[in-house]
Amino acid sequence: MFQVVTVMVTVRGPLTNGSAFFSDEILSLPQDNIKLSESSEKDSEKIMKVETPLIMPHGSGTGGGARAGLFRTPISGGVQSATSAHGLPRPALAVRNLMEQARFAHLCTVMSRMHHRREGYPFGSLVDFAPDSMGHPIFSFSPLAIHTRNLLADPRCTLVVQIPGWSGLSNARVTIFGDVFPLPEHQQEWAHKQYIAKHQQGPSQQWGNFYYFRMQNISDIYFIGGFGTVAWVDVKEYEALQPDKIAVDGGEQNLKELNAIFSKPLKELLSSETEVDDAAFISIDSKGTDIRVRQGAQFNIQRVSFEDGHTVETLEEAKAALWKLINKGQVHSLQQ
């Protein structure tokens, strides 16, 4: 069964043509194109109403069915209620933890004038990074890279960081707005030490013809944490916090060890309610852990919270807390 919904989309003009960003090459248009452009601009000043049939599976909102327990449902009550209900760190701390556990991110810069007709467009790059003690990302860039040239012309950018083990739009991610500048020569060695501490790469692998940059100013932080947490994070609060110890100390290696021990018992426990093909830890903090659950081709993220009042700082404490939950059979009531 499918339900047909009509969506009314209203587009209001006039629309700007953005000619201030165009090169002389683009502005040199044939006369026919100019007439067409003028006609299009007049059309854009009209209000256009579009009726679009949107096909939705029946009952797809907070729907039921045998698998409903493994699919996240919308949460009301705001960020504070969702954070409390699911045993999550507050958003600023969640972002600090995410920055520690993620190794790669999407950097979006503004195309510089040297790129002619592409000038002014956002340019996305996949980069690795390491946060410093204030959570400001440090980058290792080649002077030949397009994003490096863009930043030297215009330092404004955004960094989009995803939770490790990303599998869909329900996963945690953060967009950090800021200005990235090259570090002075006397800080290059310091940045190098910060960088290899996270990426565990020797000088021969990263030093070479690369230079270190830092997001010196963070102007805004937009966090989507899943579990009903969507928030603009206060920058000063973010900079003042320290990430959870377990998120910093051997984060990736800790997850590998936890998966080696607990993946099978978690899968068996979850399969007592509905068939599960795989269950894997993708992040951990002092209050709990996020698990990626797979059913066939469908992935979902579930939250397992440690017992109330019980915070975890080390790998051994995390193991003990998880065994306690599994032995009590409490993992079956995963937060959605």
C-alpha atoms as a PDB file:
ATOM      1  CA  MET A   1       0.000   0.000   0.000  1.00  0.00           C
ATOM      2  CA  PHE A   2       1.228   3.492  -0.853  1.00  0.00           C
ATOM      3  CA  GLN A   3      -0.158   6.857   0.121  1.00  0.00           C
ATOM      4  CA  VAL A   4      -0.047   9.726  -2.390  1.00  0.00           C
ATOM      5  CA  VAL A   5       0.647  13.143  -0.890  1.00  0.00           C
ATOM      6  CA  THR A   6       0.507  16.388  -2.902  1.00  0.00           C
ATOM      7  CA  VAL A   7       3.265  18.815  -1.981  1.00  0.00           C
ATOM      8  CA  MET A   8       2.826  22.508  -2.828  1.00  0.00           C
ATOM      9  CA  VAL A   9       6.170  24.174  -3.544  1.00  0.00           C
ATOM     10  CA  THR A  10       6.189  27.956  -3.914  1.00  0.00           C
ATOM     11  CA  VAL A  11       9.173  29.655  -5.540  1.00  0.00           C
ATOM     12  CA  ARG A  12       9.294  33.432  -5.321  1.00  0.00           C
ATOM     13  CA  GLY A  13      11.459  35.723  -7.471  1.00  0.00           C
ATOM     14  CA  PRO A  14      13.165  37.741  -8.600  1.00  0.00           C
ATOM     15  CA  LEU A  15      16.299  35.628  -8.700  1.00  0.00           C
ATOM     16  CA  THR A  16      19.717  37.269  -8.893  1.00  0.00           C
ATOM     17  CA  ASN A  17      21.992  36.199 -11.686  1.00  0.00           C
ATOM     18  CA  GLY A  18      25.145  36.360  -9.563  1.00  0.00           C
ATOM     19  CA  SER A  19      27.053  38.236 -12.303  1.00  0.00           C
ATOM     20  CA  ALA A  20      29.479  39.662  -9.764  1.00  0.00           C
ATOM     21  CA  PHE A  21      31.053  36.210  -9.556  1.00  0.00           C
ATOM     22  CA  PHE A  22      31.329  35.616 -13.314  1.00  0.00           C
ATOM     23  CA  SER A  23      34.540  36.025 -15.293  1.00  0.00           C
ATOM     24  CA  ASP A  24      34.743  38.186 -18.421  1.00  0.00           C
ATOM     25  CA  GLU A  25      34.612  34.987 -20.461  1.00  0.00           C
ATOM     26  CA  ILE A  26      31.195  34.126 -19.102  1.00  0.00           C
ATOM     27  CA  LEU A  27      29.856  37.671 -19.399  1.00  0.00           C
ATOM     28  CA  SER A  28      30.683  37.734 -23.128  1.00  0.00           C
ATOM     29  CA  LEU A  29      27.411  36.132 -24.195  1.00  0.00           C
ATOM     30  CA  PRO A  30      25.911  36.140 -27.698  1.00  0.00           C
ATOM     31  CA  GLN A  31      22.917  38.475 -28.212  1.00  0.00           C
ATOM     32  CA  ASP A  32      20.475  35.541 -28.430  1.00  0.00           C
ATOM     33  CA  ASN A  33      21.658  34.287 -25.038  1.00  0.00           C
ATOM     34  CA  ILE A  34      21.206  37.738 -23.534  1.00  0.00           C
ATOM     35  CA  LYS A  35      17.582  37.861 -24.747  1.00  0.00           C
ATOM     36  CA  LEU A  36      16.983  34.401 -23.384  1.00  0.00           C
ATOM     37  CA  SER A  37      18.499  35.418 -20.039  1.00  0.00           C
ATOM     38  CA  GLU A  38      16.230  38.495 -19.846  1.00  0.00           C
ATOM     39  CA  SER A  39      13.194  36.351 -20.627  1.00  0.00           C
ATOM     40  CA  SER A  40      14.174  33.821 -17.958  1.00  0.00           C
ATOM     41  CA  GLU A  41      14.586  36.578 -15.378  1.00  0.00           C
ATOM     42  CA  LYS A  42      11.081  37.866 -16.106  1.00  0.00           C
ATOM     43  CA  ASP A  43       9.716  34.362 -15.733  1.00  0.00           C
ATOM     44  CA  SER A  44      11.484  33.953 -12.396  1.00  0.00           C
ATOM     45  CA  GLU A  45       9.608  36.939 -10.993  1.00  0.00           C
ATOM     46  CA  LYS A  46       6.380  35.007 -11.216  1.00  0.00           C
ATOM     47  CA  ILE A  47       5.156  32.772  -8.430  1.00  0.00           C
ATOM     48  CA  MET A  48       5.298  29.165  -9.518  1.00  0.00           C
ATOM     49  CA  LYS A  49       3.240  26.485  -7.833  1.00  0.00           C
ATOM     50  CA  VAL A  50       4.256  22.905  -8.418  1.00  0.00           C
ATOM     51  CA  GLU A  51       2.150  19.922  -7.443  1.00  0.00           C
ATOM     52  CA  THR A  52       4.356  16.891  -6.906  1.00  0.00           C
ATOM     53  CA  PRO A  53       3.023  13.433  -6.075  1.00  0.00           C
ATOM     54  CA  LEU A  54       5.135  12.131  -3.219  1.00  0.00           C
ATOM     55  CA  ILE A  55       4.936   8.355  -2.861  1.00  0.00           C
ATOM     56  CA  MET A  56       5.258   7.265   0.753  1.00  0.00           C
ATOM     57  CA  PRO A  57       5.055   3.756   2.163  1.00  0.00           C
ATOM     58  CA  HIS A  58       1.888   3.411   4.209  1.00  0.00           C
ATOM     59  CA  GLY A  59       2.638   3.937   7.898  1.00  0.00           C
ATOM     60  CA  SER A  60       6.239   5.010   7.327  1.00  0.00           C
ATOM     61  CA  GLY A  61       6.212   7.720   9.987  1.00  0.00           C
ATOM     62  CA  THR A  62       6.404   6.055  13.368  1.00  0.00           C
ATOM     63  CA  GLY A  63       5.173   2.907  11.666  1.00  0.00           C
ATOM     64  CA  GLY A  64       4.731  -0.516  13.101  1.00  0.00           C
ATOM     65  CA  GLY A  65       5.480  -3.892  11.608  1.00  0.00           C
ATOM     66  CA  ALA A  66       7.769  -6.648  12.782  1.00  0.00           C
ATOM     67  CA  ARG A  67      10.890  -4.551  12.200  1.00  0.00           C
ATOM     68  CA  ALA A  68       9.700  -1.306  13.739  1.00  0.00           C
ATOM     69  CA  GLY A  69      11.835  -1.790  16.825  1.00  0.00           C
ATOM     70  CA  LEU A  70      15.025  -1.369  14.825  1.00  0.00           C
ATOM     71  CA  PHE A  71      14.045   1.808  12.981  1.00  0.00           C
ATOM     72  CA  ARG A  72      14.540   5.232  14.517  1.00  0.00           C
ATOM     73  CA  THR A  73      11.367   7.244  15.091  1.00  0.00           C
ATOM     74  CA  PRO A  74      11.067  11.039  15.449  1.00  0.00           C
ATOM     75  CA  ILE A  75      11.523  12.329  18.972  1.00  0.00           C
ATOM     76  CA  SER A  76       9.622  15.316  20.338  1.00  0.00           C
ATOM     77  CA  GLY A  77      10.576  17.495  23.273  1.00  0.00           C
ATOM     78  CA  GLY A  78      13.692  19.157  21.884  1.00  0.00           C
ATOM     79  CA  VAL A  79      17.376  18.478  22.132  1.00  0.00           C
ATOM     80  CA  GLN A  80      17.526  18.496  25.921  1.00  0.00           C
ATOM     81  CA  SER A  81      14.786  15.893  26.282  1.00  0.00           C
ATOM     82  CA  ALA A  82      16.280  13.653  23.595  1.00  0.00           C
ATOM     83  CA  THR A  83      19.749  13.923  25.114  1.00  0.00           C
ATOM     84  CA  SER A  84      18.407  12.935  28.523  1.00  0.00           C
ATOM     85  CA  ALA A  85      16.144  10.169  27.246  1.00  0.00           C
ATOM     86  CA  HIS A  86      18.901   8.424  25.312  1.00  0.00           C
ATOM     87  CA  GLY A  87      21.795   8.885  27.718  1.00  0.00           C
ATOM     88  CA  LEU A  88      23.721  11.065  25.262  1.00  0.00           C
ATOM     89  CA  PRO A  89      26.487  13.581  25.975  1.00  0.00           C
ATOM     90  CA  ARG A  90      25.323  17.170  25.594  1.00  0.00           C
ATOM     91  CA  PRO A  91      25.780  18.425  22.011  1.00  0.00           C
ATOM     92  CA  ALA A  92      29.002  20.394  22.590  1.00  0.00           C
ATOM     93  CA  LEU A  93      30.670  17.357  24.169  1.00  0.00           C
ATOM     94  CA  ALA A  94      29.268  15.051  21.487  1.00  0.00           C
ATOM     95  CA  VAL A  95      30.954  17.212  18.841  1.00  0.00           C
ATOM     96  CA  ARG A  96      34.276  17.151  20.728  1.00  0.00           C
ATOM     97  CA  ASN A  97      34.063  13.348  20.912  1.00  0.00           C
ATOM     98  CA  LEU A  98      33.160  13.114  17.238  1.00  0.00           C
ATOM     99  CA  MET A  99      36.144  15.270  16.254  1.00  0.00           C
ATOM    100  CA  GLU A 100      38.423  12.931  18.198  1.00  0.00           C
ATOM    101  CA  GLN A 101      37.049   9.701  16.730  1.00  0.00           C
ATOM    102  CA  ALA A 102      36.723  10.766  13.076  1.00  0.00           C
ATOM    103  CA  ARG A 103      39.852  10.792  10.925  1.00  0.00           C
ATOM    104  CA  PHE A 104      38.493  12.207   7.669  1.00  0.00           C
ATOM    105  CA  ALA A 105      36.092  14.992   6.726  1.00  0.00           C
ATOM    106  CA  HIS A 106      34.713  16.947   3.789  1.00  0.00           C
ATOM    107  CA  LEU A 107      36.273  20.404   3.475  1.00  0.00           C
ATOM    108  CA  CYS A 108      34.263  22.951   1.476  1.00  0.00           C
ATOM    109  CA  THR A 109      36.196  25.976   0.226  1.00  0.00           C
ATOM    110  CA  VAL A 110      35.322  28.850  -2.131  1.00  0.00           C
ATOM    111  CA  MET A 111      36.778  28.537  -5.622  1.00  0.00           C
ATOM    112  CA  SER A 112      39.275  31.324  -6.193  1.00  0.00           C
ATOM    113  CA  ARG A 113      39.568  33.675  -9.185  1.00  0.00           C
ATOM    114  CA  MET A 114      42.280  31.553 -10.731  1.00  0.00           C
ATOM    115  CA  HIS A 115      39.592  29.030 -11.658  1.00  0.00           C
ATOM    116  CA  HIS A 116      37.780  31.412 -14.039  1.00  0.00           C
ATOM    117  CA  ARG A 117      34.189  30.303 -14.661  1.00  0.00           C
ATOM    118  CA  ARG A 118      34.170  28.196 -11.477  1.00  0.00           C
ATOM    119  CA  GLU A 119      35.000  31.204  -9.306  1.00  0.00           C
ATOM    120  CA  GLY A 120      32.739  31.593  -6.284  1.00  0.00           C
ATOM    121  CA  TYR A 121      31.353  28.072  -6.347  1.00  0.00           C
ATOM    122  CA  PRO A 122      31.857  25.814  -3.293  1.00  0.00           C
ATOM    123  CA  PHE A 123      34.542  23.177  -3.790  1.00  0.00           C
ATOM    124  CA  GLY A 124      34.409  19.965  -1.746  1.00  0.00           C
ATOM    125  CA  SER A 125      37.474  17.914  -0.834  1.00  0.00           C
ATOM    126  CA  LEU A 126      38.016  14.832   1.276  1.00  0.00           C
ATOM    127  CA  VAL A 127      40.774  15.586   3.806  1.00  0.00           C
ATOM    128  CA  ASP A 128      42.219  14.127   6.976  1.00  0.00           C
ATOM    129  CA  PHE A 129      42.613  16.267  10.095  1.00  0.00           C
ATOM    130  CA  ALA A 130      43.536  16.280  13.768  1.00  0.00           C
ATOM    131  CA  PRO A 131      41.936  18.477  16.472  1.00  0.00           C
ATOM    132  CA  ASP A 132      44.114  20.424  18.875  1.00  0.00           C
ATOM    133  CA  SER A 133      43.422  20.885  22.597  1.00  0.00           C
ATOM    134  CA  MET A 134      40.642  23.410  21.855  1.00  0.00           C
ATOM    135  CA  GLY A 135      39.011  21.247  19.202  1.00  0.00           C
ATOM    136  CA  HIS A 136      40.266  23.377  16.301  1.00  0.00           C
ATOM    137  CA  PRO A 137      41.127  21.145  13.329  1.00  0.00           C
ATOM    138  CA  ILE A 138      44.686  21.003  11.985  1.00  0.00           C
ATOM    139  CA  PHE A 139      45.259  20.015   8.366  1.00  0.00           C
ATOM    140  CA  SER A 140      48.220  18.854   6.300  1.00  0.00           C
ATOM    141  CA  PHE A 141      47.921  20.347   2.797  1.00  0.00           C
ATOM    142  CA  SER A 142      49.932  20.210  -0.381  1.00  0.00           C
ATOM    143  CA  PRO A 143      50.498  23.629  -1.982  1.00  0.00           C
ATOM    144  CA  LEU A 144      49.362  22.083  -5.274  1.00  0.00           C
ATOM    145  CA  ALA A 145      45.907  21.111  -4.026  1.00  0.00           C
ATOM    146  CA  ILE A 146      42.935  23.179  -5.217  1.00  0.00           C
ATOM    147  CA  HIS A 147      41.576  23.566  -1.681  1.00  0.00           C
ATOM    148  CA  THR A 148      44.951  24.955  -0.540  1.00  0.00           C
ATOM    149  CA  ARG A 149      44.912  27.595  -3.266  1.00  0.00           C
ATOM    150  CA  ASN A 150      41.317  28.445  -2.460  1.00  0.00           C
ATOM    151  CA  LEU A 151      42.084  28.950   1.247  1.00  0.00           C
ATOM    152  CA  LEU A 152      45.052  31.189   0.509  1.00  0.00           C
ATOM    153  CA  ALA A 153      42.703  33.429  -1.486  1.00  0.00           C
ATOM    154  CA  ASP A 154      39.717  33.165   0.884  1.00  0.00           C
ATOM    155  CA  PRO A 155      40.086  31.436   4.273  1.00  0.00           C
ATOM    156  CA  ARG A 156      36.335  30.921   4.757  1.00  0.00           C
ATOM    157  CA  CYS A 157      35.243  27.295   4.685  1.00  0.00           C
ATOM    158  CA  THR A 158      33.157  24.598   6.322  1.00  0.00           C
ATOM    159  CA  LEU A 159      34.268  21.196   7.559  1.00  0.00           C
ATOM    160  CA  VAL A 160      31.687  18.393   7.539  1.00  0.00           C
ATOM    161  CA  VAL A 161      32.658  15.560   9.893  1.00  0.00           C
ATOM    162  CA  GLN A 162      30.775  12.248   9.971  1.00  0.00           C
ATOM    163  CA  ILE A 163      30.698   9.575  12.618  1.00  0.00           C
ATOM    164  CA  PRO A 164      32.994   6.644  11.728  1.00  0.00           C
ATOM    165  CA  GLY A 165      31.070   3.785  10.176  1.00  0.00           C
ATOM    166  CA  TRP A 166      28.695   6.174   8.409  1.00  0.00           C
ATOM    167  CA  SER A 167      25.755   4.323   6.871  1.00  0.00           C
ATOM    168  CA  GLY A 168      22.988   6.870   6.355  1.00  0.00           C
ATOM    169  CA  LEU A 169      21.400  10.204   7.177  1.00  0.00           C
ATOM    170  CA  SER A 170      20.406   9.079  10.667  1.00  0.00           C
ATOM    171  CA  ASN A 171      24.109   9.046  11.647  1.00  0.00           C
ATOM    172  CA  ALA A 172      25.804  11.807  13.633  1.00  0.00           C
ATOM    173  CA  ARG A 173      27.605  14.576  11.780  1.00  0.00           C
ATOM    174  CA  VAL A 174      28.707  18.153  12.371  1.00  0.00           C
ATOM    175  CA  THR A 175      29.358  21.168  10.149  1.00  0.00           C
ATOM    176  CA  ILE A 176      32.003  23.549  11.478  1.00  0.00           C
ATOM    177  CA  PHE A 177      32.213  27.045   9.995  1.00  0.00           C
ATOM    178  CA  GLY A 178      35.513  28.867  10.219  1.00  0.00           C
ATOM    179  CA  ASP A 179      38.609  30.427   8.711  1.00  0.00           C
ATOM    180  CA  VAL A 180      41.663  28.325   7.865  1.00  0.00           C
ATOM    181  CA  PHE A 181      45.154  29.824   7.661  1.00  0.00           C
ATOM    182  CA  PRO A 182      48.651  28.385   7.189  1.00  0.00           C
ATOM    183  CA  LEU A 183      50.547  28.070  10.459  1.00  0.00           C
ATOM    184  CA  PRO A 184      53.774  30.067  10.786  1.00  0.00           C
ATOM    185  CA  GLU A 185      57.063  28.249  10.373  1.00  0.00           C
ATOM    186  CA  HIS A 186      57.773  28.051  14.113  1.00  0.00           C
ATOM    187  CA  GLN A 187      54.459  26.173  14.688  1.00  0.00           C
ATOM    188  CA  GLN A 188      54.884  23.595  11.919  1.00  0.00           C
ATOM    189  CA  GLU A 189      56.744  21.145  14.150  1.00  0.00           C
ATOM    190  CA  TRP A 190      54.134  21.487  16.905  1.00  0.00           C
ATOM    191  CA  ALA A 191      51.343  20.825  14.405  1.00  0.00           C
ATOM    192  CA  HIS A 192      53.215  17.827  13.027  1.00  0.00           C
ATOM    193  CA  LYS A 193      53.313  16.227  16.480  1.00  0.00           C
ATOM    194  CA  GLN A 194      49.579  16.815  16.955  1.00  0.00           C
ATOM    195  CA  TYR A 195      48.911  15.288  13.579  1.00  0.00           C
ATOM    196  CA  ILE A 196      50.956  12.091  13.844  1.00  0.00           C
ATOM    197  CA  ALA A 197      49.617  11.485  17.381  1.00  0.00           C
ATOM    198  CA  LYS A 198      46.233  10.875  15.780  1.00  0.00           C
ATOM    199  CA  HIS A 199      47.134   9.412  12.407  1.00  0.00           C
ATOM    200  CA  GLN A 200      50.189   7.446  13.562  1.00  0.00           C
ATOM    201  CA  GLN A 201      52.137   8.302  10.430  1.00  0.00           C
ATOM    202  CA  GLY A 202      55.872   8.904  10.373  1.00  0.00           C
ATOM    203  CA  PRO A 203      57.515  12.057   9.040  1.00  0.00           C
ATOM    204  CA  SER A 204      58.324  10.401   5.718  1.00  0.00           C
ATOM    205  CA  GLN A 205      54.618   9.822   5.088  1.00  0.00           C
ATOM    206  CA  GLN A 206      53.295  13.298   5.838  1.00  0.00           C
ATOM    207  CA  TRP A 207      56.105  15.810   6.230  1.00  0.00           C
ATOM    208  CA  GLY A 208      57.534  16.069   2.670  1.00  0.00           C
ATOM    209  CA  ASN A 209      56.003  18.831   0.568  1.00  0.00           C
ATOM    210  CA  PHE A 210      53.068  19.342   2.931  1.00  0.00           C
ATOM    211  CA  TYR A 211      52.360  22.305   5.163  1.00  0.00           C
ATOM    212  CA  TYR A 212      50.176  22.540   8.229  1.00  0.00           C
ATOM    213  CA  PHE A 213      47.101  24.743   8.373  1.00  0.00           C
ATOM    214  CA  ARG A 214      44.698  25.382  11.248  1.00  0.00           C
ATOM    215  CA  MET A 215      41.117  26.586  11.517  1.00  0.00           C
ATOM    216  CA  GLN A 216      42.091  29.593  13.587  1.00  0.00           C
ATOM    217  CA  ASN A 217      38.588  30.993  14.003  1.00  0.00           C
ATOM    218  CA  ILE A 218      35.481  28.870  14.474  1.00  0.00           C
ATOM    219  CA  SER A 219      32.450  31.034  13.798  1.00  0.00           C
ATOM    220  CA  ASP A 220      29.662  28.449  14.147  1.00  0.00           C
ATOM    221  CA  ILE A 221      28.942  24.773  14.756  1.00  0.00           C
ATOM    222  CA  TYR A 222      25.861  22.923  13.502  1.00  0.00           C
ATOM    223  CA  PHE A 223      25.386  19.445  14.949  1.00  0.00           C
ATOM    224  CA  ILE A 224      23.025  16.661  13.876  1.00  0.00           C
ATOM    225  CA  GLY A 225      23.462  13.876  16.380  1.00  0.00           C
ATOM    226  CA  GLY A 226      20.614  11.562  15.512  1.00  0.00           C
ATOM    227  CA  PHE A 227      18.219  10.483  18.286  1.00  0.00           C
ATOM    228  CA  GLY A 228      16.405  13.822  17.950  1.00  0.00           C
ATOM    229  CA  THR A 229      19.467  16.020  18.622  1.00  0.00           C
ATOM    230  CA  VAL A 230      19.858  18.890  16.152  1.00  0.00           C
ATOM    231  CA  ALA A 231      21.495  22.021  17.530  1.00  0.00           C
ATOM    232  CA  TRP A 232      23.674  25.046  16.924  1.00  0.00           C
ATOM    233  CA  VAL A 233      26.490  24.547  19.406  1.00  0.00           C
ATOM    234  CA  ASP A 234      27.990  27.438  21.360  1.00  0.00           C
ATOM    235  CA  VAL A 235      31.580  27.838  20.142  1.00  0.00           C
ATOM    236  CA  LYS A 236      32.972  28.962  23.492  1.00  0.00           C
ATOM    237  CA  GLU A 237      31.387  25.981  25.258  1.00  0.00           C
ATOM    238  CA  TYR A 238      32.851  23.659  22.615  1.00  0.00           C
ATOM    239  CA  GLU A 239      36.353  25.137  22.971  1.00  0.00           C
ATOM    240  CA  ALA A 240      36.273  24.959  26.784  1.00  0.00           C
ATOM    241  CA  LEU A 241      35.279  21.270  26.960  1.00  0.00           C
ATOM    242  CA  GLN A 242      37.624  18.322  26.969  1.00  0.00           C
ATOM    243  CA  PRO A 243      36.474  15.185  25.119  1.00  0.00           C
ATOM    244  CA  ASP A 244      35.686  11.984  26.999  1.00  0.00           C
ATOM    245  CA  LYS A 245      38.845  10.099  27.872  1.00  0.00           C
ATOM    246  CA  ILE A 246      37.685   6.889  26.190  1.00  0.00           C
ATOM    247  CA  ALA A 247      36.966   8.790  22.957  1.00  0.00           C
ATOM    248  CA  VAL A 248      40.566  10.048  22.855  1.00  0.00           C
ATOM    249  CA  ASP A 249      42.636   7.124  24.122  1.00  0.00           C
ATOM    250  CA  GLY A 250      42.935   4.528  21.375  1.00  0.00           C
ATOM    251  CA  GLY A 251      39.451   5.236  20.035  1.00  0.00           C
ATOM    252  CA  GLU A 252      39.683   3.252  16.792  1.00  0.00           C
ATOM    253  CA  GLN A 253      41.603   0.384  18.379  1.00  0.00           C
ATOM    254  CA  ASN A 254      39.142   0.262  21.272  1.00  0.00           C
ATOM    255  CA  LEU A 255      36.224  -0.143  18.867  1.00  0.00           C
ATOM    256  CA  LYS A 256      38.018  -2.958  17.029  1.00  0.00           C
ATOM    257  CA  GLU A 257      38.558  -4.825  20.296  1.00  0.00           C
ATOM    258  CA  LEU A 258      34.971  -4.287  21.470  1.00  0.00           C
ATOM    259  CA  ASN A 259      33.656  -5.558  18.140  1.00  0.00           C
ATOM    260  CA  ALA A 260      35.864  -8.646  18.337  1.00  0.00           C
ATOM    261  CA  ILE A 261      34.420  -9.476  21.769  1.00  0.00           C
ATOM    262  CA  PHE A 262      30.809  -8.283  21.651  1.00  0.00           C
ATOM    263  CA  SER A 263      29.654  -8.349  18.030  1.00  0.00           C
ATOM    264  CA  LYS A 264      28.451 -11.962  18.181  1.00  0.00           C
ATOM    265  CA  PRO A 265      26.623 -11.809  21.559  1.00  0.00           C
ATOM    266  CA  LEU A 266      25.023  -8.501  20.520  1.00  0.00           C
ATOM    267  CA  LYS A 267      23.787 -10.019  17.268  1.00  0.00           C
ATOM    268  CA  GLU A 268      22.371 -13.054  19.080  1.00  0.00           C
ATOM    269  CA  LEU A 269      20.636 -10.914  21.680  1.00  0.00           C
ATOM    270  CA  LEU A 270      19.111  -8.589  19.087  1.00  0.00           C
ATOM    271  CA  SER A 271      18.020 -11.535  16.940  1.00  0.00           C
ATOM    272  CA  SER A 272      15.796 -12.780  19.763  1.00  0.00           C
ATOM    273  CA  GLU A 273      13.278 -10.098  18.702  1.00  0.00           C
ATOM    274  CA  THR A 274      13.873  -9.862  14.940  1.00  0.00           C
ATOM    275  CA  GLU A 275      16.512 -11.265  12.625  1.00  0.00           C
ATOM    276  CA  VAL A 276      19.723  -9.241  12.588  1.00  0.00           C
ATOM    277  CA  ASP A 277      22.574  -9.905  10.178  1.00  0.00           C
ATOM    278  CA  ASP A 278      25.280  -7.856  11.867  1.00  0.00           C
ATOM    279  CA  ALA A 279      25.883  -5.524  14.818  1.00  0.00           C
ATOM    280  CA  ALA A 280      29.003  -3.381  15.182  1.00  0.00           C
ATOM    281  CA  PHE A 281      30.191  -0.610  17.511  1.00  0.00           C
ATOM    282  CA  ILE A 282      30.963   2.598  15.635  1.00  0.00           C
ATOM    283  CA  SER A 283      31.509   5.081  18.497  1.00  0.00           C
ATOM    284  CA  ILE A 284      31.806   5.184  22.265  1.00  0.00           C
ATOM    285  CA  ASP A 285      31.674   7.855  24.957  1.00  0.00           C
ATOM    286  CA  SER A 286      31.495   7.938  28.734  1.00  0.00           C
ATOM    287  CA  LYS A 287      27.707   7.391  28.775  1.00  0.00           C
ATOM    288  CA  GLY A 288      27.251   4.691  26.151  1.00  0.00           C
ATOM    289  CA  THR A 289      27.966   3.455  22.665  1.00  0.00           C
ATOM    290  CA  ASP A 290      26.404   3.662  19.211  1.00  0.00           C
ATOM    291  CA  ILE A 291      25.843   0.413  17.320  1.00  0.00           C
ATOM    292  CA  ARG A 292      25.342  -0.017  13.588  1.00  0.00           C
ATOM    293  CA  VAL A 293      22.724  -2.730  13.051  1.00  0.00           C
ATOM    294  CA  ARG A 294      22.319  -4.371   9.648  1.00  0.00           C
ATOM    295  CA  GLN A 295      19.249  -6.227   8.402  1.00  0.00           C
ATOM    296  CA  GLY A 296      19.915  -7.274   4.820  1.00  0.00           C
ATOM    297  CA  ALA A 297      20.731  -4.061   2.952  1.00  0.00           C
ATOM    298  CA  GLN A 298      19.157  -1.863   5.657  1.00  0.00           C
ATOM    299  CA  PHE A 299      21.426  -0.141   8.216  1.00  0.00           C
ATOM    300  CA  ASN A 300      20.250   1.525  11.415  1.00  0.00           C
ATOM    301  CA  ILE A 301      22.038   3.170  14.313  1.00  0.00           C
ATOM    302  CA  GLN A 302      21.064   2.181  17.841  1.00  0.00           C
ATOM    303  CA  ARG A 303      22.149   3.597  21.173  1.00  0.00           C
ATOM    304  CA  VAL A 304      23.187   1.431  24.109  1.00  0.00           C
ATOM    305  CA  SER A 305      23.441   3.490  27.301  1.00  0.00           C
ATOM    306  CA  PHE A 306      25.468   2.346  30.263  1.00  0.00           C
ATOM    307  CA  GLU A 307      23.708   2.066  33.602  1.00  0.00           C
ATOM    308  CA  ASP A 308      22.489   5.329  35.149  1.00  0.00           C
ATOM    309  CA  GLY A 309      25.234   7.091  37.055  1.00  0.00           C
ATOM    310  CA  HIS A 310      27.902   4.819  35.582  1.00  0.00           C
ATOM    311  CA  THR A 311      30.477   6.617  33.434  1.00  0.00           C
ATOM    312  CA  VAL A 312      33.207   4.834  31.499  1.00  0.00           C
ATOM    313  CA  GLU A 313      36.751   6.118  30.990  1.00  0.00           C
ATOM    314  CA  THR A 314      38.813   3.098  29.979  1.00  0.00           C
ATOM    315  CA  LEU A 315      38.452   0.115  27.668  1.00  0.00           C
ATOM    316  CA  GLU A 316      38.287  -2.310  30.585  1.00  0.00           C
ATOM    317  CA  GLU A 317      35.492  -0.294  32.199  1.00  0.00           C
ATOM    318  CA  ALA A 318      33.604  -0.338  28.897  1.00  0.00           C
ATOM    319  CA  LYS A 319      33.934  -4.126  28.659  1.00  0.00           C
ATOM    320  CA  ALA A 320      32.637  -4.577  32.200  1.00  0.00           C
ATOM    321  CA  ALA A 321      29.698  -2.227  31.599  1.00  0.00           C
ATOM    322  CA  LEU A 322      28.713  -3.981  28.351  1.00  0.00           C
ATOM    323  CA  TRP A 323      28.928  -7.480  29.861  1.00  0.00           C
ATOM    324  CA  LYS A 324      26.675  -6.296  32.676  1.00  0.00           C
ATOM    325  CA  LEU A 325      24.054  -5.067  30.184  1.00  0.00           C
ATOM    326  CA  ILE A 326      24.238  -8.192  28.034  1.00  0.00           C
ATOM    327  CA  ASN A 327      24.059 -10.563  30.999  1.00  0.00           C
ATOM    328  CA  LYS A 328      20.970  -8.726  32.229  1.00  0.00           C
ATOM    329  CA  GLY A 329      19.445  -8.939  28.751  1.00  0.00           C
ATOM    330  CA  GLN A 330      18.988  -5.171  28.674  1.00  0.00           C
ATOM    331  CA  VAL A 331      20.360  -4.586  25.198  1.00  0.00           C
ATOM    332  CA  HIS A 332      17.132  -5.822  23.627  1.00  0.00           C
ATOM    333  CA  SER A 333      15.440  -2.582  24.681  1.00  0.00           C
ATOM    334  CA  LEU A 334      17.701  -0.411  22.531  1.00  0.00           C
ATOM    335  CA  GLN A 335      16.847   3.258  22.246  1.00  0.00           C
ATOM    336  CA  GLN A 336      15.482   4.107  18.813  1.00  0.00           C
END
